[in-house]
Amino acid sequence: MAAPAILVVLLFTGCGYIGEPMPPALQIPQRVSDLSATERGGRIVVEFTRPKLTTDNLDIRKTVRMELRVGLASSPFDIEAWEASGKGFSDIPADEAAVQYVLPAGEWIGKNVVIAVKVFSEKGRTAGWSNLFTLSVIPPLATPAHVKPADVREGVRLTWQGDAPHYRVYRRAAGESNRVTIGETEKPEYLDTKTEYGTPYHYSVEAFRTGGDIHAFSETTAEVTITTKDTYAPPVPVGLVAVPSIGSIELLWDRSVAPDLAGYRIYRAAGDGPLEKLAETGAAPSYSDRAVESGKTYRYAASAFDKIGNESEKSAPVMVIAQ
């Protein structure tokens, strides 16, 4: 009788509890929630992130099918009417995490459209349409024309032709693979003040118009390239005065604000003779001329020069009689 008793104990202790059977996962992809669209030239560019999880928060097992739809907006909006009358696109790359889909804008110019996408499982199940994105499609903005860079004292000045309300300027420095936005302007010109001499810069420009449901951009121009060079001298020294002293003439002037100032050059003339270089100084705005003869008349002028030797014009000369 012991064996049957042991068997009963094993039956109750040897197995875990078996709960209710779980229903199979439906593998329905989550809805897209970040769909957006812009108009670029004569195209509509739609972007969104492909779902990675199902509605049960499980990994999606296989690449799924997607359907994009574009239809006219209405007020009040009727999604069933929009779905029935809209135009569908099913050739969307389903294996990319960040999806970008481009379609012609021509048939919707001058109209408001609603754009959305559905994501399907292997068995054709879907969680429904994504967020509904409304876009006002306008006549394509013209690409800015004749972009010209110019090397100026302040940096690089860009000019171009166009009549758009706004422009965005991009720059790519030598050795960089990606361009970056450096500014926006309402005029067909832009001054880039954050440049370094000797560095090649590549610039491109696009026109844009935004407001309400309008998100329109032109095509971006081809890059134009310029390498800036320092050919700009510091400002001419101002405020030069000559003060006679016993055995010398003391020269003083206003300090230059040039960031690349290296020093000053002093020019002297005896009487009505020509101005000739007398000396160079550092950044201090003063000089003491001790090689003077009492009773003689001298004229002085000063110039400023930078670290690579660009020299300003001479200041207005001043006259003094040595003591």
C-alpha atoms as a PDB file:
ATOM      1  CA  MET A   1       0.000   0.000   0.000  1.00  0.00           C
ATOM      2  CA  ALA A   2       3.020   2.287   0.329  1.00  0.00           C
ATOM      3  CA  ALA A   3       3.649   2.555  -3.413  1.00  0.00           C
ATOM      4  CA  PRO A   4       0.224   4.035  -4.296  1.00  0.00           C
ATOM      5  CA  ALA A   5       0.598   6.584  -1.494  1.00  0.00           C
ATOM      6  CA  ILE A   6       4.013   7.668  -2.814  1.00  0.00           C
ATOM      7  CA  LEU A   7       2.583   7.967  -6.302  1.00  0.00           C
ATOM      8  CA  VAL A   8      -0.180  10.259  -5.043  1.00  0.00           C
ATOM      9  CA  VAL A   9       2.389  12.471  -3.300  1.00  0.00           C
ATOM     10  CA  LEU A  10       4.483  12.686  -6.472  1.00  0.00           C
ATOM     11  CA  LEU A  11       1.471  13.645  -8.503  1.00  0.00           C
ATOM     12  CA  PHE A  12       0.790  16.619  -6.226  1.00  0.00           C
ATOM     13  CA  THR A  13       4.389  17.718  -5.648  1.00  0.00           C
ATOM     14  CA  GLY A  14       6.277  16.872  -8.818  1.00  0.00           C
ATOM     15  CA  CYS A  15       4.527  19.312 -11.173  1.00  0.00           C
ATOM     16  CA  GLY A  16       4.022  23.100 -11.062  1.00  0.00           C
ATOM     17  CA  TYR A  17       0.643  24.681 -11.295  1.00  0.00           C
ATOM     18  CA  ILE A  18      -0.623  25.041 -14.853  1.00  0.00           C
ATOM     19  CA  GLY A  19      -2.588  28.290 -15.342  1.00  0.00           C
ATOM     20  CA  GLU A  20      -5.093  29.313 -17.967  1.00  0.00           C
ATOM     21  CA  PRO A  21      -3.671  29.101 -21.525  1.00  0.00           C
ATOM     22  CA  MET A  22      -2.559  32.494 -22.966  1.00  0.00           C
ATOM     23  CA  PRO A  23      -4.117  33.614 -26.262  1.00  0.00           C
ATOM     24  CA  PRO A  24      -1.626  33.916 -29.157  1.00  0.00           C
ATOM     25  CA  ALA A  25      -0.096  37.376 -29.735  1.00  0.00           C
ATOM     26  CA  LEU A  26      -1.755  39.116 -32.674  1.00  0.00           C
ATOM     27  CA  GLN A  27       1.485  40.818 -33.842  1.00  0.00           C
ATOM     28  CA  ILE A  28      -0.311  44.073 -34.711  1.00  0.00           C
ATOM     29  CA  PRO A  29       2.208  46.920 -35.285  1.00  0.00           C
ATOM     30  CA  GLN A  30       1.747  50.014 -33.175  1.00  0.00           C
ATOM     31  CA  ARG A  31       0.357  53.121 -34.852  1.00  0.00           C
ATOM     32  CA  VAL A  32       2.771  55.674 -36.274  1.00  0.00           C
ATOM     33  CA  SER A  33       2.552  58.842 -34.193  1.00  0.00           C
ATOM     34  CA  ASP A  34       5.246  61.142 -35.642  1.00  0.00           C
ATOM     35  CA  LEU A  35       4.329  61.476 -39.316  1.00  0.00           C
ATOM     36  CA  SER A  36       5.163  64.883 -40.838  1.00  0.00           C
ATOM     37  CA  ALA A  37       5.339  66.285 -44.339  1.00  0.00           C
ATOM     38  CA  THR A  38       6.976  69.192 -46.131  1.00  0.00           C
ATOM     39  CA  GLU A  39       6.777  70.550 -49.625  1.00  0.00           C
ATOM     40  CA  ARG A  40      10.141  70.766 -51.359  1.00  0.00           C
ATOM     41  CA  GLY A  41      10.203  72.172 -54.852  1.00  0.00           C
ATOM     42  CA  GLY A  42       7.555  70.254 -56.760  1.00  0.00           C
ATOM     43  CA  ARG A  43       7.507  67.310 -54.352  1.00  0.00           C
ATOM     44  CA  ILE A  44       5.927  66.338 -51.046  1.00  0.00           C
ATOM     45  CA  VAL A  45       8.358  64.675 -48.641  1.00  0.00           C
ATOM     46  CA  VAL A  46       6.729  62.508 -45.961  1.00  0.00           C
ATOM     47  CA  GLU A  47       8.735  61.308 -42.954  1.00  0.00           C
ATOM     48  CA  PHE A  48       7.947  59.025 -40.026  1.00  0.00           C
ATOM     49  CA  THR A  49       9.462  56.331 -37.811  1.00  0.00           C
ATOM     50  CA  ARG A  50       8.598  52.711 -38.531  1.00  0.00           C
ATOM     51  CA  PRO A  51       7.178  50.972 -35.432  1.00  0.00           C
ATOM     52  CA  LYS A  52       9.452  48.452 -33.728  1.00  0.00           C
ATOM     53  CA  LEU A  53       6.854  47.044 -31.330  1.00  0.00           C
ATOM     54  CA  THR A  54       3.431  45.514 -31.556  1.00  0.00           C
ATOM     55  CA  THR A  55       0.357  46.672 -29.664  1.00  0.00           C
ATOM     56  CA  ASP A  56       1.317  44.019 -27.064  1.00  0.00           C
ATOM     57  CA  ASN A  57       4.758  45.692 -26.706  1.00  0.00           C
ATOM     58  CA  LEU A  58       6.476  42.741 -28.353  1.00  0.00           C
ATOM     59  CA  ASP A  59       9.159  43.015 -30.992  1.00  0.00           C
ATOM     60  CA  ILE A  60       7.784  42.901 -34.509  1.00  0.00           C
ATOM     61  CA  ARG A  61       8.987  39.617 -35.964  1.00  0.00           C
ATOM     62  CA  LYS A  62       9.162  40.548 -39.621  1.00  0.00           C
ATOM     63  CA  THR A  63       9.226  43.520 -41.949  1.00  0.00           C
ATOM     64  CA  VAL A  64       5.694  44.774 -42.426  1.00  0.00           C
ATOM     65  CA  ARG A  65       3.708  46.364 -45.227  1.00  0.00           C
ATOM     66  CA  MET A  66       2.730  50.046 -45.119  1.00  0.00           C
ATOM     67  CA  GLU A  67       0.185  52.145 -46.957  1.00  0.00           C
ATOM     68  CA  LEU A  68       0.332  55.923 -47.283  1.00  0.00           C
ATOM     69  CA  ARG A  69      -2.756  57.937 -48.179  1.00  0.00           C
ATOM     70  CA  VAL A  70      -3.140  61.544 -49.336  1.00  0.00           C
ATOM     71  CA  GLY A  71      -6.564  63.130 -49.642  1.00  0.00           C
ATOM     72  CA  LEU A  72      -8.266  66.492 -49.569  1.00  0.00           C
ATOM     73  CA  ALA A  73      -8.941  68.065 -46.199  1.00  0.00           C
ATOM     74  CA  SER A  74     -12.534  68.965 -45.383  1.00  0.00           C
ATOM     75  CA  SER A  75     -14.326  70.861 -42.643  1.00  0.00           C
ATOM     76  CA  PRO A  76     -15.641  69.130 -40.687  1.00  0.00           C
ATOM     77  CA  PHE A  77     -13.190  66.346 -41.407  1.00  0.00           C
ATOM     78  CA  ASP A  78     -14.729  62.982 -42.331  1.00  0.00           C
ATOM     79  CA  ILE A  79     -12.084  60.279 -42.159  1.00  0.00           C
ATOM     80  CA  GLU A  80     -14.226  57.736 -44.001  1.00  0.00           C
ATOM     81  CA  ALA A  81     -14.780  60.114 -46.909  1.00  0.00           C
ATOM     82  CA  TRP A  82     -11.095  61.018 -46.905  1.00  0.00           C
ATOM     83  CA  GLU A  83     -10.113  57.350 -46.925  1.00  0.00           C
ATOM     84  CA  ALA A  84     -12.489  56.547 -49.747  1.00  0.00           C
ATOM     85  CA  SER A  85     -11.481  59.439 -52.011  1.00  0.00           C
ATOM     86  CA  GLY A  86      -7.787  59.760 -51.157  1.00  0.00           C
ATOM     87  CA  LYS A  87      -4.879  58.458 -53.203  1.00  0.00           C
ATOM     88  CA  GLY A  88      -2.938  55.520 -51.819  1.00  0.00           C
ATOM     89  CA  PHE A  89       0.756  54.676 -52.097  1.00  0.00           C
ATOM     90  CA  SER A  90       1.997  51.221 -51.143  1.00  0.00           C
ATOM     91  CA  ASP A  91       5.582  51.132 -52.483  1.00  0.00           C
ATOM     92  CA  ILE A  92       6.998  52.383 -49.176  1.00  0.00           C
ATOM     93  CA  PRO A  93      10.308  50.889 -47.985  1.00  0.00           C
ATOM     94  CA  ALA A  94       9.301  48.782 -44.987  1.00  0.00           C
ATOM     95  CA  ASP A  95      12.794  47.820 -43.838  1.00  0.00           C
ATOM     96  CA  GLU A  96      14.035  51.287 -42.851  1.00  0.00           C
ATOM     97  CA  ALA A  97      13.704  52.631 -39.313  1.00  0.00           C
ATOM     98  CA  ALA A  98      13.454  56.278 -40.424  1.00  0.00           C
ATOM     99  CA  VAL A  99      11.167  56.332 -43.446  1.00  0.00           C
ATOM    100  CA  GLN A 100      11.235  59.097 -46.044  1.00  0.00           C
ATOM    101  CA  TYR A 101       8.792  58.883 -48.934  1.00  0.00           C
ATOM    102  CA  VAL A 102       8.658  61.361 -51.813  1.00  0.00           C
ATOM    103  CA  LEU A 103       5.686  61.938 -54.126  1.00  0.00           C
ATOM    104  CA  PRO A 104       4.801  64.559 -56.752  1.00  0.00           C
ATOM    105  CA  ALA A 105       2.930  67.590 -55.434  1.00  0.00           C
ATOM    106  CA  GLY A 106       1.439  68.766 -58.728  1.00  0.00           C
ATOM    107  CA  GLU A 107      -2.148  67.528 -58.415  1.00  0.00           C
ATOM    108  CA  TRP A 108      -2.577  69.116 -54.957  1.00  0.00           C
ATOM    109  CA  ILE A 109      -1.129  72.587 -55.597  1.00  0.00           C
ATOM    110  CA  GLY A 110      -3.480  75.202 -54.138  1.00  0.00           C
ATOM    111  CA  LYS A 111      -5.240  72.647 -51.934  1.00  0.00           C
ATOM    112  CA  ASN A 112      -5.117  71.454 -48.336  1.00  0.00           C
ATOM    113  CA  VAL A 113      -4.429  67.753 -47.980  1.00  0.00           C
ATOM    114  CA  VAL A 114      -4.398  65.290 -45.089  1.00  0.00           C
ATOM    115  CA  ILE A 115      -1.658  62.661 -45.049  1.00  0.00           C
ATOM    116  CA  ALA A 116      -1.497  59.494 -42.954  1.00  0.00           C
ATOM    117  CA  VAL A 117       0.007  56.001 -43.008  1.00  0.00           C
ATOM    118  CA  LYS A 118      -1.108  52.543 -41.900  1.00  0.00           C
ATOM    119  CA  VAL A 119       1.253  49.737 -40.876  1.00  0.00           C
ATOM    120  CA  PHE A 120       0.174  46.135 -41.435  1.00  0.00           C
ATOM    121  CA  SER A 121       1.232  42.835 -39.875  1.00  0.00           C
ATOM    122  CA  GLU A 122       2.109  39.710 -41.849  1.00  0.00           C
ATOM    123  CA  LYS A 123      -1.539  38.692 -41.643  1.00  0.00           C
ATOM    124  CA  GLY A 124      -2.873  42.074 -42.732  1.00  0.00           C
ATOM    125  CA  ARG A 125      -3.823  43.365 -39.290  1.00  0.00           C
ATOM    126  CA  THR A 126      -3.378  47.059 -38.459  1.00  0.00           C
ATOM    127  CA  ALA A 127      -3.858  49.380 -35.484  1.00  0.00           C
ATOM    128  CA  GLY A 128      -5.232  52.066 -37.801  1.00  0.00           C
ATOM    129  CA  TRP A 129      -4.152  55.309 -39.320  1.00  0.00           C
ATOM    130  CA  SER A 130      -1.266  57.299 -37.921  1.00  0.00           C
ATOM    131  CA  ASN A 131      -1.567  60.883 -36.751  1.00  0.00           C
ATOM    132  CA  LEU A 132      -3.281  62.928 -39.466  1.00  0.00           C
ATOM    133  CA  PHE A 133      -0.966  65.591 -40.890  1.00  0.00           C
ATOM    134  CA  THR A 134      -2.459  68.547 -42.766  1.00  0.00           C
ATOM    135  CA  LEU A 135      -0.385  70.268 -45.444  1.00  0.00           C
ATOM    136  CA  SER A 136      -1.277  73.351 -47.505  1.00  0.00           C
ATOM    137  CA  VAL A 137       0.348  72.786 -50.884  1.00  0.00           C
ATOM    138  CA  ILE A 138       1.463  76.021 -52.575  1.00  0.00           C
ATOM    139  CA  PRO A 139       3.120  76.729 -55.937  1.00  0.00           C
ATOM    140  CA  PRO A 140       6.740  75.523 -55.704  1.00  0.00           C
ATOM    141  CA  LEU A 141       9.238  78.061 -54.393  1.00  0.00           C
ATOM    142  CA  ALA A 142      11.967  78.924 -56.865  1.00  0.00           C
ATOM    143  CA  THR A 143      15.496  77.858 -56.000  1.00  0.00           C
ATOM    144  CA  PRO A 144      17.675  80.898 -55.174  1.00  0.00           C
ATOM    145  CA  ALA A 145      19.820  81.827 -58.165  1.00  0.00           C
ATOM    146  CA  HIS A 146      23.356  83.115 -58.688  1.00  0.00           C
ATOM    147  CA  VAL A 147      24.702  82.592 -55.178  1.00  0.00           C
ATOM    148  CA  LYS A 148      27.949  84.532 -54.848  1.00  0.00           C
ATOM    149  CA  PRO A 149      30.360  84.546 -51.886  1.00  0.00           C
ATOM    150  CA  ALA A 150      32.614  87.540 -51.278  1.00  0.00           C
ATOM    151  CA  ASP A 151      35.567  87.890 -48.935  1.00  0.00           C
ATOM    152  CA  VAL A 152      34.978  90.973 -46.782  1.00  0.00           C
ATOM    153  CA  ARG A 153      36.609  92.338 -43.655  1.00  0.00           C
ATOM    154  CA  GLU A 154      33.839  90.954 -41.398  1.00  0.00           C
ATOM    155  CA  GLY A 155      33.937  87.424 -42.891  1.00  0.00           C
ATOM    156  CA  VAL A 156      32.041  86.105 -45.933  1.00  0.00           C
ATOM    157  CA  ARG A 157      29.149  87.982 -47.521  1.00  0.00           C
ATOM    158  CA  LEU A 158      26.714  85.876 -49.563  1.00  0.00           C
ATOM    159  CA  THR A 159      24.331  87.360 -52.116  1.00  0.00           C
ATOM    160  CA  TRP A 160      21.813  85.700 -54.435  1.00  0.00           C
ATOM    161  CA  GLN A 161      18.668  86.376 -56.454  1.00  0.00           C
ATOM    162  CA  GLY A 162      15.172  85.413 -55.323  1.00  0.00           C
ATOM    163  CA  ASP A 163      11.816  86.755 -54.139  1.00  0.00           C
ATOM    164  CA  ALA A 164      10.934  84.278 -51.365  1.00  0.00           C
ATOM    165  CA  PRO A 165       9.856  85.520 -47.906  1.00  0.00           C
ATOM    166  CA  HIS A 166      12.622  83.660 -46.071  1.00  0.00           C
ATOM    167  CA  TYR A 167      15.953  81.977 -46.768  1.00  0.00           C
ATOM    168  CA  ARG A 168      18.060  79.461 -44.867  1.00  0.00           C
ATOM    169  CA  VAL A 169      21.848  79.413 -45.262  1.00  0.00           C
ATOM    170  CA  TYR A 170      23.975  76.275 -44.904  1.00  0.00           C
ATOM    171  CA  ARG A 171      27.740  75.985 -44.504  1.00  0.00           C
ATOM    172  CA  ARG A 172      30.173  73.082 -44.741  1.00  0.00           C
ATOM    173  CA  ALA A 173      33.800  73.637 -43.796  1.00  0.00           C
ATOM    174  CA  ALA A 174      36.661  71.808 -45.474  1.00  0.00           C
ATOM    175  CA  GLY A 175      36.946  68.253 -44.186  1.00  0.00           C
ATOM    176  CA  GLU A 176      33.336  68.127 -42.962  1.00  0.00           C
ATOM    177  CA  SER A 177      30.884  65.770 -44.639  1.00  0.00           C
ATOM    178  CA  ASN A 178      27.659  67.364 -43.397  1.00  0.00           C
ATOM    179  CA  ARG A 179      26.406  70.889 -43.848  1.00  0.00           C
ATOM    180  CA  VAL A 180      24.998  72.854 -40.915  1.00  0.00           C
ATOM    181  CA  THR A 181      22.482  75.685 -40.754  1.00  0.00           C
ATOM    182  CA  ILE A 182      24.251  78.934 -39.901  1.00  0.00           C
ATOM    183  CA  GLY A 183      21.384  81.380 -40.188  1.00  0.00           C
ATOM    184  CA  GLU A 184      18.138  82.598 -41.714  1.00  0.00           C
ATOM    185  CA  THR A 185      17.332  85.881 -43.407  1.00  0.00           C
ATOM    186  CA  GLU A 186      14.458  87.685 -45.105  1.00  0.00           C
ATOM    187  CA  LYS A 187      16.778  89.363 -47.616  1.00  0.00           C
ATOM    188  CA  PRO A 188      18.748  87.753 -50.474  1.00  0.00           C
ATOM    189  CA  GLU A 189      22.008  88.252 -48.615  1.00  0.00           C
ATOM    190  CA  TYR A 190      23.775  86.977 -45.512  1.00  0.00           C
ATOM    191  CA  LEU A 191      26.977  87.857 -43.631  1.00  0.00           C
ATOM    192  CA  ASP A 192      28.883  84.976 -42.030  1.00  0.00           C
ATOM    193  CA  THR A 193      31.109  86.496 -39.352  1.00  0.00           C
ATOM    194  CA  LYS A 194      32.311  83.192 -37.864  1.00  0.00           C
ATOM    195  CA  THR A 195      35.056  82.350 -40.331  1.00  0.00           C
ATOM    196  CA  GLU A 196      38.779  81.750 -40.112  1.00  0.00           C
ATOM    197  CA  TYR A 197      41.304  82.937 -42.658  1.00  0.00           C
ATOM    198  CA  GLY A 198      42.717  80.233 -44.907  1.00  0.00           C
ATOM    199  CA  THR A 199      39.807  77.809 -44.402  1.00  0.00           C
ATOM    200  CA  PRO A 200      37.720  76.781 -47.450  1.00  0.00           C
ATOM    201  CA  TYR A 201      33.962  77.118 -46.839  1.00  0.00           C
ATOM    202  CA  HIS A 202      31.142  75.650 -48.938  1.00  0.00           C
ATOM    203  CA  TYR A 203      27.799  77.490 -48.858  1.00  0.00           C
ATOM    204  CA  SER A 204      24.298  76.631 -50.085  1.00  0.00           C
ATOM    205  CA  VAL A 205      20.944  78.391 -49.741  1.00  0.00           C
ATOM    206  CA  GLU A 206      17.275  77.430 -49.817  1.00  0.00           C
ATOM    207  CA  ALA A 207      14.082  79.488 -49.824  1.00  0.00           C
ATOM    208  CA  PHE A 208      11.244  78.656 -47.456  1.00  0.00           C
ATOM    209  CA  ARG A 209       7.767  79.734 -46.424  1.00  0.00           C
ATOM    210  CA  THR A 210       6.052  78.531 -43.269  1.00  0.00           C
ATOM    211  CA  GLY A 211       2.942  79.468 -41.348  1.00  0.00           C
ATOM    212  CA  GLY A 212      -0.208  77.592 -40.465  1.00  0.00           C
ATOM    213  CA  ASP A 213      -0.258  74.383 -42.500  1.00  0.00           C
ATOM    214  CA  ILE A 214       2.288  75.698 -45.026  1.00  0.00           C
ATOM    215  CA  HIS A 215       5.672  73.982 -44.799  1.00  0.00           C
ATOM    216  CA  ALA A 216       7.261  74.806 -48.145  1.00  0.00           C
ATOM    217  CA  PHE A 217      10.930  74.790 -49.158  1.00  0.00           C
ATOM    218  CA  SER A 218      12.715  75.264 -52.428  1.00  0.00           C
ATOM    219  CA  GLU A 219      15.382  72.949 -53.707  1.00  0.00           C
ATOM    220  CA  THR A 220      18.748  73.717 -52.108  1.00  0.00           C
ATOM    221  CA  THR A 221      21.286  75.424 -54.346  1.00  0.00           C
ATOM    222  CA  ALA A 222      24.529  73.819 -55.408  1.00  0.00           C
ATOM    223  CA  GLU A 223      27.415  74.661 -53.095  1.00  0.00           C
ATOM    224  CA  VAL A 224      29.662  77.630 -53.767  1.00  0.00           C
ATOM    225  CA  THR A 225      33.155  77.681 -52.287  1.00  0.00           C
ATOM    226  CA  ILE A 226      35.426  80.416 -51.001  1.00  0.00           C
ATOM    227  CA  THR A 227      38.681  80.507 -49.043  1.00  0.00           C
ATOM    228  CA  THR A 228      39.074  83.696 -47.046  1.00  0.00           C
ATOM    229  CA  LYS A 229      42.358  85.568 -46.928  1.00  0.00           C
ATOM    230  CA  ASP A 230      43.513  88.233 -44.517  1.00  0.00           C
ATOM    231  CA  THR A 231      44.195  91.205 -46.783  1.00  0.00           C
ATOM    232  CA  TYR A 232      42.730  93.735 -44.386  1.00  0.00           C
ATOM    233  CA  ALA A 233      44.960  96.128 -42.483  1.00  0.00           C
ATOM    234  CA  PRO A 234      44.092  97.489 -39.052  1.00  0.00           C
ATOM    235  CA  PRO A 235      42.397 100.911 -38.941  1.00  0.00           C
ATOM    236  CA  VAL A 236      44.554 103.991 -39.403  1.00  0.00           C
ATOM    237  CA  PRO A 237      45.789 105.285 -36.025  1.00  0.00           C
ATOM    238  CA  VAL A 238      43.901 108.354 -34.819  1.00  0.00           C
ATOM    239  CA  GLY A 239      44.522 111.019 -32.211  1.00  0.00           C
ATOM    240  CA  LEU A 240      48.270 111.337 -32.884  1.00  0.00           C
ATOM    241  CA  VAL A 241      49.920 114.116 -30.850  1.00  0.00           C
ATOM    242  CA  ALA A 242      53.576 115.124 -30.561  1.00  0.00           C
ATOM    243  CA  VAL A 243      54.778 116.648 -27.297  1.00  0.00           C
ATOM    244  CA  PRO A 244      58.250 118.241 -27.181  1.00  0.00           C
ATOM    245  CA  SER A 245      60.367 117.452 -24.178  1.00  0.00           C
ATOM    246  CA  ILE A 246      63.998 118.119 -23.253  1.00  0.00           C
ATOM    247  CA  GLY A 247      66.032 115.927 -25.588  1.00  0.00           C
ATOM    248  CA  SER A 248      63.063 114.065 -27.063  1.00  0.00           C
ATOM    249  CA  ILE A 249      59.660 114.269 -28.691  1.00  0.00           C
ATOM    250  CA  GLU A 250      56.960 112.109 -27.146  1.00  0.00           C
ATOM    251  CA  LEU A 251      54.342 110.660 -29.483  1.00  0.00           C
ATOM    252  CA  LEU A 252      50.952 109.421 -28.283  1.00  0.00           C
ATOM    253  CA  TRP A 253      47.829 108.170 -30.139  1.00  0.00           C
ATOM    254  CA  ASP A 254      44.623 106.230 -29.532  1.00  0.00           C
ATOM    255  CA  ARG A 255      44.944 102.472 -29.045  1.00  0.00           C
ATOM    256  CA  SER A 256      43.773 100.369 -32.013  1.00  0.00           C
ATOM    257  CA  VAL A 257      40.871  97.948 -31.463  1.00  0.00           C
ATOM    258  CA  ALA A 258      42.001  95.545 -34.223  1.00  0.00           C
ATOM    259  CA  PRO A 259      42.074  92.005 -32.740  1.00  0.00           C
ATOM    260  CA  ASP A 260      45.088  90.972 -34.847  1.00  0.00           C
ATOM    261  CA  LEU A 261      47.154  94.102 -34.212  1.00  0.00           C
ATOM    262  CA  ALA A 262      50.891  93.446 -34.109  1.00  0.00           C
ATOM    263  CA  GLY A 263      52.206  96.989 -33.665  1.00  0.00           C
ATOM    264  CA  TYR A 264      52.742 100.437 -35.126  1.00  0.00           C
ATOM    265  CA  ARG A 265      55.228 102.059 -37.526  1.00  0.00           C
ATOM    266  CA  ILE A 266      56.451 105.575 -36.891  1.00  0.00           C
ATOM    267  CA  TYR A 267      57.354 107.869 -39.790  1.00  0.00           C
ATOM    268  CA  ARG A 268      59.324 111.130 -39.470  1.00  0.00           C
ATOM    269  CA  ALA A 269      60.294 113.972 -41.729  1.00  0.00           C
ATOM    270  CA  ALA A 270      62.674 116.848 -41.026  1.00  0.00           C
ATOM    271  CA  GLY A 271      61.144 120.150 -42.093  1.00  0.00           C
ATOM    272  CA  ASP A 272      59.412 119.796 -45.469  1.00  0.00           C
ATOM    273  CA  GLY A 273      61.259 116.588 -46.335  1.00  0.00           C
ATOM    274  CA  PRO A 274      59.564 113.242 -47.139  1.00  0.00           C
ATOM    275  CA  LEU A 275      58.223 111.009 -44.386  1.00  0.00           C
ATOM    276  CA  GLU A 276      60.537 108.096 -43.805  1.00  0.00           C
ATOM    277  CA  LYS A 277      60.181 105.074 -41.558  1.00  0.00           C
ATOM    278  CA  LEU A 278      61.737 105.788 -38.178  1.00  0.00           C
ATOM    279  CA  ALA A 279      60.787 102.824 -35.987  1.00  0.00           C
ATOM    280  CA  GLU A 280      58.338 100.020 -35.166  1.00  0.00           C
ATOM    281  CA  THR A 281      56.659  99.600 -31.822  1.00  0.00           C
ATOM    282  CA  GLY A 282      54.628  96.915 -30.128  1.00  0.00           C
ATOM    283  CA  ALA A 283      50.970  97.278 -29.252  1.00  0.00           C
ATOM    284  CA  ALA A 284      51.567 100.228 -26.878  1.00  0.00           C
ATOM    285  CA  PRO A 285      50.267 103.454 -28.483  1.00  0.00           C
ATOM    286  CA  SER A 286      53.320 105.613 -27.748  1.00  0.00           C
ATOM    287  CA  TYR A 287      56.858 106.282 -28.895  1.00  0.00           C
ATOM    288  CA  SER A 288      59.735 108.442 -27.664  1.00  0.00           C
ATOM    289  CA  ASP A 289      61.975 109.944 -30.346  1.00  0.00           C
ATOM    290  CA  ARG A 290      65.273 110.828 -28.728  1.00  0.00           C
ATOM    291  CA  ALA A 291      67.199 111.400 -31.953  1.00  0.00           C
ATOM    292  CA  VAL A 292      66.123 115.014 -32.385  1.00  0.00           C
ATOM    293  CA  GLU A 293      67.967 118.319 -32.590  1.00  0.00           C
ATOM    294  CA  SER A 294      66.819 121.308 -30.588  1.00  0.00           C
ATOM    295  CA  GLY A 295      65.148 124.012 -32.670  1.00  0.00           C
ATOM    296  CA  LYS A 296      64.454 121.754 -35.626  1.00  0.00           C
ATOM    297  CA  THR A 297      60.963 121.189 -37.000  1.00  0.00           C
ATOM    298  CA  TYR A 298      59.743 117.625 -37.405  1.00  0.00           C
ATOM    299  CA  ARG A 299      56.645 116.013 -38.852  1.00  0.00           C
ATOM    300  CA  TYR A 300      55.396 112.646 -37.645  1.00  0.00           C
ATOM    301  CA  ALA A 301      52.836 110.070 -38.833  1.00  0.00           C
ATOM    302  CA  ALA A 302      51.924 106.590 -37.638  1.00  0.00           C
ATOM    303  CA  SER A 303      50.496 103.447 -39.254  1.00  0.00           C
ATOM    304  CA  ALA A 304      49.249 100.151 -37.796  1.00  0.00           C
ATOM    305  CA  PHE A 305      50.150  96.656 -38.998  1.00  0.00           C
ATOM    306  CA  ASP A 306      48.761  93.210 -38.195  1.00  0.00           C
ATOM    307  CA  LYS A 307      50.358  89.834 -37.497  1.00  0.00           C
ATOM    308  CA  ILE A 308      50.827  88.930 -41.147  1.00  0.00           C
ATOM    309  CA  GLY A 309      52.126  92.357 -42.185  1.00  0.00           C
ATOM    310  CA  ASN A 310      49.056  94.142 -43.562  1.00  0.00           C
ATOM    311  CA  GLU A 311      49.741  97.837 -42.963  1.00  0.00           C
ATOM    312  CA  SER A 312      47.237 100.664 -42.730  1.00  0.00           C
ATOM    313  CA  GLU A 313      47.561 104.043 -44.374  1.00  0.00           C
ATOM    314  CA  LYS A 314      49.559 106.645 -42.461  1.00  0.00           C
ATOM    315  CA  SER A 315      47.782 108.929 -40.056  1.00  0.00           C
ATOM    316  CA  ALA A 316      47.495 112.629 -40.714  1.00  0.00           C
ATOM    317  CA  PRO A 317      50.962 114.099 -39.933  1.00  0.00           C
ATOM    318  CA  VAL A 318      51.580 116.368 -36.981  1.00  0.00           C
ATOM    319  CA  MET A 319      54.289 119.029 -36.732  1.00  0.00           C
ATOM    320  CA  VAL A 320      56.414 119.911 -33.725  1.00  0.00           C
ATOM    321  CA  ILE A 321      59.568 121.887 -32.916  1.00  0.00           C
ATOM    322  CA  ALA A 322      62.134 120.112 -30.779  1.00  0.00           C
ATOM    323  CA  GLN A 323      63.250 121.914 -27.628  1.00  0.00           C
END
